[in-house]
Amino acid sequence: MPDDEGHPLPEEMDLRTLLHALADPLRFGVITRFLREPEGTERTCASFQLPVSKSTTSHHFKVMREAGLLRMVDRGNSRTAVLRRKDLDERFPGLLDLVAAEPYDA
């Protein structure tokens, strides 16, 4: 059962749900950008400057959170996102390496 903020436990992560989340080019781009950052990097949703409305950006981050790709962290009046690299590597070894190896220009 996901926690109070909707983050699934690693054993609850489902490959089909992760692949669905990664199938969208904007979400794939967010994850590839996180993979280029040092582990544990926190970024706001707005810092990605997605070419969509604020509500659509929120939706994309919700999909990634519910899939288990990101952990959302409350920072007072804002939220940041961090890639769940360790959880993903343990649950789906090699998945993030495949994502990182895929060419993506954003």
PDB file of N, CA and C in Angstrom:
ATOM      1  N   MET A   1       0.845  -1.181   0.000  1.00  0.00           N
ATOM      2  CA  MET A   1       0.000   0.000   0.000  1.00  0.00           C
ATOM      3  C   MET A   1       0.893   1.248   0.000  1.00  0.00           C
ATOM      4  N   PRO A   2       0.630   2.184  -0.920  1.00  0.00           N
ATOM      5  CA  PRO A   2       1.447   3.405  -0.949  1.00  0.00           C
ATOM      6  C   PRO A   2       1.385   4.151   0.377  1.00  0.00           C
ATOM      7  N   ASP A   3       2.410   4.960   0.640  1.00  0.00           N
ATOM      8  CA  ASP A   3       2.410   5.753   1.863  1.00  0.00           C
ATOM      9  C   ASP A   3       1.381   6.882   1.759  1.00  0.00           C
ATOM     10  N   ASP A   4       1.305   7.717   2.774  1.00  0.00           N
ATOM     11  CA  ASP A   4       0.302   8.788   2.823  1.00  0.00           C
ATOM     12  C   ASP A   4       0.429   9.781   1.675  1.00  0.00           C
ATOM     13  N   GLU A   5       1.603   9.860   1.074  1.00  0.00           N
ATOM     14  CA  GLU A   5       1.816  10.804  -0.024  1.00  0.00           C
ATOM     15  C   GLU A   5       1.751  10.134  -1.395  1.00  0.00           C
ATOM     16  N   GLY A   6       1.400   8.853  -1.424  1.00  0.00           N
ATOM     17  CA  GLY A   6       1.223   8.150  -2.687  1.00  0.00           C
ATOM     18  C   GLY A   6       2.453   7.494  -3.262  1.00  0.00           C
ATOM     19  N   HIS A   7       3.515   7.358  -2.465  1.00  0.00           N
ATOM     20  CA  HIS A   7       4.731   6.694  -2.936  1.00  0.00           C
ATOM     21  C   HIS A   7       4.599   5.195  -2.666  1.00  0.00           C
ATOM     22  N   PRO A   8       4.687   4.366  -3.723  1.00  0.00           N
ATOM     23  CA  PRO A   8       4.620   2.925  -3.462  1.00  0.00           C
ATOM     24  C   PRO A   8       5.914   2.425  -2.817  1.00  0.00           C
ATOM     25  N   LEU A   9       5.785   1.383  -2.037  1.00  0.00           N
ATOM     26  CA  LEU A   9       6.968   0.708  -1.518  1.00  0.00           C
ATOM     27  C   LEU A   9       7.678   0.035  -2.690  1.00  0.00           C
ATOM     28  N   PRO A  10       8.985  -0.195  -2.584  1.00  0.00           N
ATOM     29  CA  PRO A  10       9.691  -0.829  -3.712  1.00  0.00           C
ATOM     30  C   PRO A  10       9.042  -2.134  -4.174  1.00  0.00           C
ATOM     31  N   GLU A  11       8.613  -2.961  -3.246  1.00  0.00           N
ATOM     32  CA  GLU A  11       8.010  -4.239  -3.639  1.00  0.00           C
ATOM     33  C   GLU A  11       6.641  -4.065  -4.299  1.00  0.00           C
ATOM     34  N   GLU A  12       6.056  -2.889  -4.188  1.00  0.00           N
ATOM     35  CA  GLU A  12       4.765  -2.603  -4.825  1.00  0.00           C
ATOM     36  C   GLU A  12       4.931  -2.009  -6.229  1.00  0.00           C
ATOM     37  N   MET A  13       6.144  -1.635  -6.582  1.00  0.00           N
ATOM     38  CA  MET A  13       6.370  -1.053  -7.905  1.00  0.00           C
ATOM     39  C   MET A  13       6.109  -2.109  -8.966  1.00  0.00           C
ATOM     40  N   ASP A  14       5.394  -1.713  -9.996  1.00  0.00           N
ATOM     41  CA  ASP A  14       4.989  -2.606 -11.066  1.00  0.00           C
ATOM     42  C   ASP A  14       5.688  -2.175 -12.355  1.00  0.00           C
ATOM     43  N   LEU A  15       6.318  -3.114 -13.041  1.00  0.00           N
ATOM     44  CA  LEU A  15       7.072  -2.784 -14.245  1.00  0.00           C
ATOM     45  C   LEU A  15       6.196  -2.140 -15.308  1.00  0.00           C
ATOM     46  N   ARG A  16       4.983  -2.647 -15.502  1.00  0.00           N
ATOM     47  CA  ARG A  16       4.097  -2.065 -16.526  1.00  0.00           C
ATOM     48  C   ARG A  16       3.763  -0.621 -16.207  1.00  0.00           C
ATOM     49  N   THR A  17       3.549  -0.311 -14.930  1.00  0.00           N
ATOM     50  CA  THR A  17       3.247   1.063 -14.527  1.00  0.00           C
ATOM     51  C   THR A  17       4.462   1.964 -14.760  1.00  0.00           C
ATOM     52  N   LEU A  18       5.649   1.459 -14.436  1.00  0.00           N
ATOM     53  CA  LEU A  18       6.876   2.231 -14.689  1.00  0.00           C
ATOM     54  C   LEU A  18       7.068   2.480 -16.176  1.00  0.00           C
ATOM     55  N   LEU A  19       6.866   1.455 -16.989  1.00  0.00           N
ATOM     56  CA  LEU A  19       7.044   1.604 -18.430  1.00  0.00           C
ATOM     57  C   LEU A  19       6.018   2.573 -19.013  1.00  0.00           C
ATOM     58  N   HIS A  20       4.796   2.537 -18.496  1.00  0.00           N
ATOM     59  CA  HIS A  20       3.773   3.498 -18.928  1.00  0.00           C
ATOM     60  C   HIS A  20       4.218   4.924 -18.604  1.00  0.00           C
ATOM     61  N   ALA A  21       4.734   5.121 -17.396  1.00  0.00           N
ATOM     62  CA  ALA A  21       5.200   6.454 -16.999  1.00  0.00           C
ATOM     63  C   ALA A  21       6.353   6.911 -17.886  1.00  0.00           C
ATOM     64  N   LEU A  22       7.244   6.001 -18.225  1.00  0.00           N
ATOM     65  CA  LEU A  22       8.403   6.345 -19.054  1.00  0.00           C
ATOM     66  C   LEU A  22       8.057   6.481 -20.533  1.00  0.00           C
ATOM     67  N   ALA A  23       6.901   5.993 -20.947  1.00  0.00           N
ATOM     68  CA  ALA A  23       6.527   6.038 -22.357  1.00  0.00           C
ATOM     69  C   ALA A  23       6.256   7.462 -22.845  1.00  0.00           C
ATOM     70  N   ASP A  24       5.883   8.339 -21.941  1.00  0.00           N
ATOM     71  CA  ASP A  24       5.631   9.731 -22.327  1.00  0.00           C
ATOM     72  C   ASP A  24       6.966  10.450 -22.508  1.00  0.00           C
ATOM     73  N   PRO A  25       7.170  11.131 -23.635  1.00  0.00           N
ATOM     74  CA  PRO A  25       8.456  11.791 -23.883  1.00  0.00           C
ATOM     75  C   PRO A  25       8.838  12.835 -22.833  1.00  0.00           C
ATOM     76  N   LEU A  26       7.878  13.582 -22.311  1.00  0.00           N
ATOM     77  CA  LEU A  26       8.213  14.582 -21.293  1.00  0.00           C
ATOM     78  C   LEU A  26       8.670  13.924 -20.001  1.00  0.00           C
ATOM     79  N   ARG A  27       7.967  12.875 -19.583  1.00  0.00           N
ATOM     80  CA  ARG A  27       8.352  12.186 -18.355  1.00  0.00           C
ATOM     81  C   ARG A  27       9.689  11.468 -18.536  1.00  0.00           C
ATOM     82  N   PHE A  28       9.887  10.861 -19.704  1.00  0.00           N
ATOM     83  CA  PHE A  28      11.168  10.218 -19.994  1.00  0.00           C
ATOM     84  C   PHE A  28      12.291  11.247 -19.887  1.00  0.00           C
ATOM     85  N   GLY A  29      12.054  12.436 -20.407  1.00  0.00           N
ATOM     86  CA  GLY A  29      13.049  13.500 -20.337  1.00  0.00           C
ATOM     87  C   GLY A  29      13.372  13.917 -18.918  1.00  0.00           C
ATOM     88  N   VAL A  30      12.354  13.995 -18.078  1.00  0.00           N
ATOM     89  CA  VAL A  30      12.584  14.342 -16.667  1.00  0.00           C
ATOM     90  C   VAL A  30      13.500  13.305 -16.024  1.00  0.00           C
ATOM     91  N   ILE A  31      13.218  12.037 -16.257  1.00  0.00           N
ATOM     92  CA  ILE A  31      14.025  10.976 -15.645  1.00  0.00           C
ATOM     93  C   ILE A  31      15.446  10.990 -16.192  1.00  0.00           C
ATOM     94  N   THR A  32      15.610  11.189 -17.497  1.00  0.00           N
ATOM     95  CA  THR A  32      16.974  11.229 -18.032  1.00  0.00           C
ATOM     96  C   THR A  32      17.754  12.412 -17.477  1.00  0.00           C
ATOM     97  N   ARG A  33      17.078  13.520 -17.242  1.00  0.00           N
ATOM     98  CA  ARG A  33      17.777  14.670 -16.641  1.00  0.00           C
ATOM     99  C   ARG A  33      18.190  14.362 -15.211  1.00  0.00           C
ATOM    100  N   PHE A  34      17.324  13.682 -14.461  1.00  0.00           N
ATOM    101  CA  PHE A  34      17.703  13.276 -13.101  1.00  0.00           C
ATOM    102  C   PHE A  34      18.907  12.338 -13.140  1.00  0.00           C
ATOM    103  N   LEU A  35      18.961  11.463 -14.131  1.00  0.00           N
ATOM    104  CA  LEU A  35      20.064  10.510 -14.219  1.00  0.00           C
ATOM    105  C   LEU A  35      21.401  11.194 -14.495  1.00  0.00           C
ATOM    106  N   ARG A  36      21.361  12.386 -15.027  1.00  0.00           N
ATOM    107  CA  ARG A  36      22.596  13.154 -15.279  1.00  0.00           C
ATOM    108  C   ARG A  36      23.048  13.936 -14.050  1.00  0.00           C
ATOM    109  N   GLU A  37      22.207  13.996 -13.043  1.00  0.00           N
ATOM    110  CA  GLU A  37      22.494  14.728 -11.806  1.00  0.00           C
ATOM    111  C   GLU A  37      23.108  13.784 -10.776  1.00  0.00           C
ATOM    112  N   PRO A  38      23.826  14.336  -9.791  1.00  0.00           N
ATOM    113  CA  PRO A  38      24.315  13.487  -8.695  1.00  0.00           C
ATOM    114  C   PRO A  38      23.142  12.834  -7.957  1.00  0.00           C
ATOM    115  N   GLU A  39      23.383  11.648  -7.446  1.00  0.00           N
ATOM    116  CA  GLU A  39      22.340  10.934  -6.705  1.00  0.00           C
ATOM    117  C   GLU A  39      21.837  11.795  -5.550  1.00  0.00           C
ATOM    118  N   GLY A  40      20.525  11.800  -5.358  1.00  0.00           N
ATOM    119  CA  GLY A  40      19.917  12.564  -4.278  1.00  0.00           C
ATOM    120  C   GLY A  40      19.576  13.999  -4.637  1.00  0.00           C
ATOM    121  N   THR A  41      19.847  14.405  -5.881  1.00  0.00           N
ATOM    122  CA  THR A  41      19.518  15.765  -6.308  1.00  0.00           C
ATOM    123  C   THR A  41      18.017  15.990  -6.213  1.00  0.00           C
ATOM    124  N   GLU A  42      17.639  17.107  -5.606  1.00  0.00           N
ATOM    125  CA  GLU A  42      16.233  17.500  -5.518  1.00  0.00           C
ATOM    126  C   GLU A  42      15.998  18.673  -6.458  1.00  0.00           C
ATOM    127  N   ARG A  43      14.899  18.598  -7.200  1.00  0.00           N
ATOM    128  CA  ARG A  43      14.539  19.682  -8.109  1.00  0.00           C
ATOM    129  C   ARG A  43      13.058  19.958  -8.009  1.00  0.00           C
ATOM    130  N   THR A  44      12.684  21.207  -8.206  1.00  0.00           N
ATOM    131  CA  THR A  44      11.265  21.535  -8.255  1.00  0.00           C
ATOM    132  C   THR A  44      10.725  21.126  -9.620  1.00  0.00           C
ATOM    133  N   CYS A  45       9.430  20.926  -9.681  1.00  0.00           N
ATOM    134  CA  CYS A  45       8.801  20.577 -10.962  1.00  0.00           C
ATOM    135  C   CYS A  45       9.022  21.696 -11.976  1.00  0.00           C
ATOM    136  N   ALA A  46       8.914  22.934 -11.532  1.00  0.00           N
ATOM    137  CA  ALA A  46       9.055  24.086 -12.429  1.00  0.00           C
ATOM    138  C   ALA A  46      10.459  24.184 -13.015  1.00  0.00           C
ATOM    139  N   SER A  47      11.463  23.656 -12.326  1.00  0.00           N
ATOM    140  CA  SER A  47      12.841  23.774 -12.813  1.00  0.00           C
ATOM    141  C   SER A  47      13.065  23.028 -14.131  1.00  0.00           C
ATOM    142  N   PHE A  48      12.169  22.115 -14.473  1.00  0.00           N
ATOM    143  CA  PHE A  48      12.298  21.377 -15.727  1.00  0.00           C
ATOM    144  C   PHE A  48      11.747  22.162 -16.915  1.00  0.00           C
ATOM    145  N   GLN A  49      10.985  23.187 -16.634  1.00  0.00           N
ATOM    146  CA  GLN A  49      10.414  24.060 -17.664  1.00  0.00           C
ATOM    147  C   GLN A  49       9.758  23.256 -18.785  1.00  0.00           C
ATOM    148  N   LEU A  50       8.860  22.350 -18.400  1.00  0.00           N
ATOM    149  CA  LEU A  50       8.147  21.556 -19.395  1.00  0.00           C
ATOM    150  C   LEU A  50       7.251  22.475 -20.216  1.00  0.00           C
ATOM    151  N   PRO A  51       7.101  22.213 -21.518  1.00  0.00           N
ATOM    152  CA  PRO A  51       6.310  23.084 -22.387  1.00  0.00           C
ATOM    153  C   PRO A  51       4.808  22.811 -22.311  1.00  0.00           C
ATOM    154  N   VAL A  52       4.310  22.710 -21.087  1.00  0.00           N
ATOM    155  CA  VAL A  52       2.889  22.436 -20.844  1.00  0.00           C
ATOM    156  C   VAL A  52       2.431  23.308 -19.677  1.00  0.00           C
ATOM    157  N   SER A  53       1.134  23.320 -19.430  1.00  0.00           N
ATOM    158  CA  SER A  53       0.585  24.126 -18.340  1.00  0.00           C
ATOM    159  C   SER A  53       1.044  23.593 -16.982  1.00  0.00           C
ATOM    160  N   LYS A  54       0.863  24.421 -15.967  1.00  0.00           N
ATOM    161  CA  LYS A  54       1.242  24.021 -14.607  1.00  0.00           C
ATOM    162  C   LYS A  54       0.458  22.781 -14.165  1.00  0.00           C
ATOM    163  N   SER A  55      -0.826  22.722 -14.501  1.00  0.00           N
ATOM    164  CA  SER A  55      -1.631  21.564 -14.093  1.00  0.00           C
ATOM    165  C   SER A  55      -1.186  20.292 -14.814  1.00  0.00           C
ATOM    166  N   THR A  56      -0.785  20.409 -16.062  1.00  0.00           N
ATOM    167  CA  THR A  56      -0.293  19.242 -16.798  1.00  0.00           C
ATOM    168  C   THR A  56       1.061  18.798 -16.250  1.00  0.00           C
ATOM    169  N   THR A  57       1.908  19.764 -15.898  1.00  0.00           N
ATOM    170  CA  THR A  57       3.180  19.429 -15.251  1.00  0.00           C
ATOM    171  C   THR A  57       2.918  18.658 -13.965  1.00  0.00           C
ATOM    172  N   SER A  58       1.978  19.140 -13.157  1.00  0.00           N
ATOM    173  CA  SER A  58       1.636  18.445 -11.910  1.00  0.00           C
ATOM    174  C   SER A  58       1.162  17.027 -12.187  1.00  0.00           C
ATOM    175  N   HIS A  59       0.370  16.866 -13.234  1.00  0.00           N
ATOM    176  CA  HIS A  59      -0.114  15.530 -13.590  1.00  0.00           C
ATOM    177  C   HIS A  59       1.056  14.604 -13.934  1.00  0.00           C
ATOM    178  N   HIS A  60       1.998  15.097 -14.744  1.00  0.00           N
ATOM    179  CA  HIS A  60       3.144  14.272 -15.112  1.00  0.00           C
ATOM    180  C   HIS A  60       3.929  13.833 -13.868  1.00  0.00           C
ATOM    181  N   PHE A  61       4.139  14.743 -12.936  1.00  0.00           N
ATOM    182  CA  PHE A  61       4.883  14.389 -11.730  1.00  0.00           C
ATOM    183  C   PHE A  61       4.087  13.441 -10.846  1.00  0.00           C
ATOM    184  N   LYS A  62       2.777  13.549 -10.854  1.00  0.00           N
ATOM    185  CA  LYS A  62       1.937  12.608 -10.105  1.00  0.00           C
ATOM    186  C   LYS A  62       2.085  11.200 -10.691  1.00  0.00           C
ATOM    187  N   VAL A  63       2.055  11.093 -12.012  1.00  0.00           N
ATOM    188  CA  VAL A  63       2.211   9.787 -12.663  1.00  0.00           C
ATOM    189  C   VAL A  63       3.562   9.168 -12.289  1.00  0.00           C
ATOM    190  N   MET A  64       4.620   9.979 -12.315  1.00  0.00           N
ATOM    191  CA  MET A  64       5.950   9.455 -11.975  1.00  0.00           C
ATOM    192  C   MET A  64       6.044   9.076 -10.501  1.00  0.00           C
ATOM    193  N   ARG A  65       5.405   9.863  -9.634  1.00  0.00           N
ATOM    194  CA  ARG A  65       5.396   9.545  -8.196  1.00  0.00           C
ATOM    195  C   ARG A  65       4.653   8.246  -7.946  1.00  0.00           C
ATOM    196  N   GLU A  66       3.469   8.107  -8.523  1.00  0.00           N
ATOM    197  CA  GLU A  66       2.655   6.915  -8.299  1.00  0.00           C
ATOM    198  C   GLU A  66       3.279   5.659  -8.904  1.00  0.00           C
ATOM    199  N   ALA A  67       4.096   5.835  -9.941  1.00  0.00           N
ATOM    200  CA  ALA A  67       4.802   4.691 -10.528  1.00  0.00           C
ATOM    201  C   ALA A  67       5.998   4.279  -9.671  1.00  0.00           C
ATOM    202  N   GLY A  68       6.470   5.188  -8.826  1.00  0.00           N
ATOM    203  CA  GLY A  68       7.622   4.897  -7.982  1.00  0.00           C
ATOM    204  C   GLY A  68       8.924   5.468  -8.510  1.00  0.00           C
ATOM    205  N   LEU A  69       8.858   6.237  -9.585  1.00  0.00           N
ATOM    206  CA  LEU A  69      10.070   6.823 -10.151  1.00  0.00           C
ATOM    207  C   LEU A  69      10.622   7.956  -9.295  1.00  0.00           C
ATOM    208  N   LEU A  70       9.735   8.758  -8.733  1.00  0.00           N
ATOM    209  CA  LEU A  70      10.142   9.934  -7.969  1.00  0.00           C
ATOM    210  C   LEU A  70       9.579   9.913  -6.565  1.00  0.00           C
ATOM    211  N   ARG A  71      10.295  10.550  -5.654  1.00  0.00           N
ATOM    212  CA  ARG A  71       9.786  10.819  -4.314  1.00  0.00           C
ATOM    213  C   ARG A  71       9.606  12.328  -4.234  1.00  0.00           C
ATOM    214  N   MET A  72       8.409  12.742  -3.852  1.00  0.00           N
ATOM    215  CA  MET A  72       8.123  14.164  -3.685  1.00  0.00           C
ATOM    216  C   MET A  72       8.387  14.521  -2.226  1.00  0.00           C
ATOM    217  N   VAL A  73       9.083  15.651  -2.022  1.00  0.00           N
ATOM    218  CA  VAL A  73       9.499  16.077  -0.691  1.00  0.00           C
ATOM    219  C   VAL A  73       8.932  17.465  -0.432  1.00  0.00           C
ATOM    220  N   ASP A  74       8.189  17.621   0.669  1.00  0.00           N
ATOM    221  CA  ASP A  74       7.645  18.924   1.032  1.00  0.00           C
ATOM    222  C   ASP A  74       8.747  19.833   1.539  1.00  0.00           C
ATOM    223  N   ARG A  75       8.771  21.055   1.021  1.00  0.00           N
ATOM    224  CA  ARG A  75       9.741  22.074   1.426  1.00  0.00           C
ATOM    225  C   ARG A  75       8.986  23.363   1.758  1.00  0.00           C
ATOM    226  N   GLY A  76       8.190  23.300   2.805  1.00  0.00           N
ATOM    227  CA  GLY A  76       7.410  24.481   3.187  1.00  0.00           C
ATOM    228  C   GLY A  76       6.300  24.722   2.195  1.00  0.00           C
ATOM    229  N   ASN A  77       6.411  25.815   1.433  1.00  0.00           N
ATOM    230  CA  ASN A  77       5.341  26.136   0.489  1.00  0.00           C
ATOM    231  C   ASN A  77       5.613  25.596  -0.920  1.00  0.00           C
ATOM    232  N   SER A  78       6.578  24.710  -1.059  1.00  0.00           N
ATOM    233  CA  SER A  78       6.843  24.089  -2.358  1.00  0.00           C
ATOM    234  C   SER A  78       7.198  22.625  -2.151  1.00  0.00           C
ATOM    235  N   ARG A  79       7.278  21.918  -3.251  1.00  0.00           N
ATOM    236  CA  ARG A  79       7.666  20.506  -3.216  1.00  0.00           C
ATOM    237  C   ARG A  79       8.805  20.292  -4.188  1.00  0.00           C
ATOM    238  N   THR A  80       9.694  19.405  -3.825  1.00  0.00           N
ATOM    239  CA  THR A  80      10.762  19.026  -4.736  1.00  0.00           C
ATOM    240  C   THR A  80      10.616  17.539  -5.044  1.00  0.00           C
ATOM    241  N   ALA A  81      11.255  17.146  -6.112  1.00  0.00           N
ATOM    242  CA  ALA A  81      11.236  15.750  -6.529  1.00  0.00           C
ATOM    243  C   ALA A  81      12.662  15.225  -6.510  1.00  0.00           C
ATOM    244  N   VAL A  82      12.797  13.953  -6.171  1.00  0.00           N
ATOM    245  CA  VAL A  82      14.094  13.279  -6.197  1.00  0.00           C
ATOM    246  C   VAL A  82      13.881  11.898  -6.817  1.00  0.00           C
ATOM    247  N   LEU A  83      14.797  11.494  -7.679  1.00  0.00           N
ATOM    248  CA  LEU A  83      14.729  10.181  -8.315  1.00  0.00           C
ATOM    249  C   LEU A  83      14.962   9.092  -7.271  1.00  0.00           C
ATOM    250  N   ARG A  84      14.135   8.072  -7.285  1.00  0.00           N
ATOM    251  CA  ARG A  84      14.272   6.956  -6.343  1.00  0.00           C
ATOM    252  C   ARG A  84      15.247   5.920  -6.904  1.00  0.00           C
ATOM    253  N   ARG A  85      16.445   6.372  -7.177  1.00  0.00           N
ATOM    254  CA  ARG A  85      17.463   5.565  -7.855  1.00  0.00           C
ATOM    255  C   ARG A  85      17.746   4.247  -7.125  1.00  0.00           C
ATOM    256  N   LYS A  86      17.985   4.304  -5.830  1.00  0.00           N
ATOM    257  CA  LYS A  86      18.332   3.083  -5.074  1.00  0.00           C
ATOM    258  C   LYS A  86      17.170   2.084  -5.114  1.00  0.00           C
ATOM    259  N   ASP A  87      15.958   2.574  -4.847  1.00  0.00           N
ATOM    260  CA  ASP A  87      14.789   1.686  -4.868  1.00  0.00           C
ATOM    261  C   ASP A  87      14.594   1.059  -6.241  1.00  0.00           C
ATOM    262  N   LEU A  88      14.758   1.870  -7.290  1.00  0.00           N
ATOM    263  CA  LEU A  88      14.570   1.368  -8.648  1.00  0.00           C
ATOM    264  C   LEU A  88      15.649   0.368  -9.036  1.00  0.00           C
ATOM    265  N   ASP A  89      16.895   0.653  -8.654  1.00  0.00           N
ATOM    266  CA  ASP A  89      17.988  -0.271  -8.968  1.00  0.00           C
ATOM    267  C   ASP A  89      17.816  -1.609  -8.259  1.00  0.00           C
ATOM    268  N   GLU A  90      17.287  -1.573  -7.036  1.00  0.00           N
ATOM    269  CA  GLU A  90      17.068  -2.821  -6.303  1.00  0.00           C
ATOM    270  C   GLU A  90      15.894  -3.608  -6.877  1.00  0.00           C
ATOM    271  N   ARG A  91      14.831  -2.914  -7.225  1.00  0.00           N
ATOM    272  CA  ARG A  91      13.612  -3.583  -7.703  1.00  0.00           C
ATOM    273  C   ARG A  91      13.732  -4.027  -9.163  1.00  0.00           C
ATOM    274  N   PHE A  92      14.335  -3.159  -9.997  1.00  0.00           N
ATOM    275  CA  PHE A  92      14.463  -3.433 -11.428  1.00  0.00           C
ATOM    276  C   PHE A  92      15.905  -3.183 -11.864  1.00  0.00           C
ATOM    277  N   PRO A  93      16.822  -4.107 -11.519  1.00  0.00           N
ATOM    278  CA  PRO A  93      18.231  -3.898 -11.853  1.00  0.00           C
ATOM    279  C   PRO A  93      18.427  -3.659 -13.353  1.00  0.00           C
ATOM    280  N   GLY A  94      19.174  -2.618 -13.665  1.00  0.00           N
ATOM    281  CA  GLY A  94      19.497  -2.312 -15.042  1.00  0.00           C
ATOM    282  C   GLY A  94      18.515  -1.406 -15.759  1.00  0.00           C
ATOM    283  N   LEU A  95      17.326  -1.215 -15.213  1.00  0.00           N
ATOM    284  CA  LEU A  95      16.324  -0.378 -15.889  1.00  0.00           C
ATOM    285  C   LEU A  95      16.829   1.051 -16.091  1.00  0.00           C
ATOM    286  N   LEU A  96      17.356   1.658 -15.052  1.00  0.00           N
ATOM    287  CA  LEU A  96      17.830   3.036 -15.178  1.00  0.00           C
ATOM    288  C   LEU A  96      19.041   3.129 -16.098  1.00  0.00           C
ATOM    289  N   ASP A  97      19.858   2.090 -16.151  1.00  0.00           N
ATOM    290  CA  ASP A  97      20.987   2.078 -17.086  1.00  0.00           C
ATOM    291  C   ASP A  97      20.467   2.106 -18.531  1.00  0.00           C
ATOM    292  N   LEU A  98      19.384   1.367 -18.788  1.00  0.00           N
ATOM    293  CA  LEU A  98      18.790   1.370 -20.129  1.00  0.00           C
ATOM    294  C   LEU A  98      18.224   2.747 -20.468  1.00  0.00           C
ATOM    295  N   VAL A  99      17.574   3.359 -19.507  1.00  0.00           N
ATOM    296  CA  VAL A  99      17.019   4.697 -19.732  1.00  0.00           C
ATOM    297  C   VAL A  99      18.143   5.685 -20.001  1.00  0.00           C
ATOM    298  N   ALA A 100      19.194   5.619 -19.215  1.00  0.00           N
ATOM    299  CA  ALA A 100      20.321   6.546 -19.370  1.00  0.00           C
ATOM    300  C   ALA A 100      21.012   6.347 -20.719  1.00  0.00           C
ATOM    301  N   ALA A 101      21.025   5.132 -21.227  1.00  0.00           N
ATOM    302  CA  ALA A 101      21.720   4.847 -22.492  1.00  0.00           C
ATOM    303  C   ALA A 101      20.901   5.259 -23.714  1.00  0.00           C
ATOM    304  N   GLU A 102      19.609   5.460 -23.520  1.00  0.00           N
ATOM    305  CA  GLU A 102      18.738   5.827 -24.637  1.00  0.00           C
ATOM    306  C   GLU A 102      18.961   7.288 -25.012  1.00  0.00           C
ATOM    307  N   PRO A 103      19.200   7.577 -26.289  1.00  0.00           N
ATOM    308  CA  PRO A 103      19.420   8.981 -26.671  1.00  0.00           C
ATOM    309  C   PRO A 103      18.156   9.796 -26.435  1.00  0.00           C
ATOM    310  N   TYR A 104      18.335  10.951 -25.829  1.00  0.00           N
ATOM    311  CA  TYR A 104      17.205  11.856 -25.594  1.00  0.00           C
ATOM    312  C   TYR A 104      17.737  13.272 -25.556  1.00  0.00           C
ATOM    313  N   ASP A 105      17.217  14.095 -26.413  1.00  0.00           N
ATOM    314  CA  ASP A 105      17.608  15.504 -26.435  1.00  0.00           C
ATOM    315  C   ASP A 105      16.425  16.339 -25.989  1.00  0.00           C
ATOM    316  N   ALA A 106      16.647  17.119 -24.937  1.00  0.00           N
ATOM    317  CA  ALA A 106      15.562  17.977 -24.443  1.00  0.00           C
ATOM    318  C   ALA A 106      16.049  19.392 -24.317  1.00  0.00           C
TER     319      ALA A 106
END
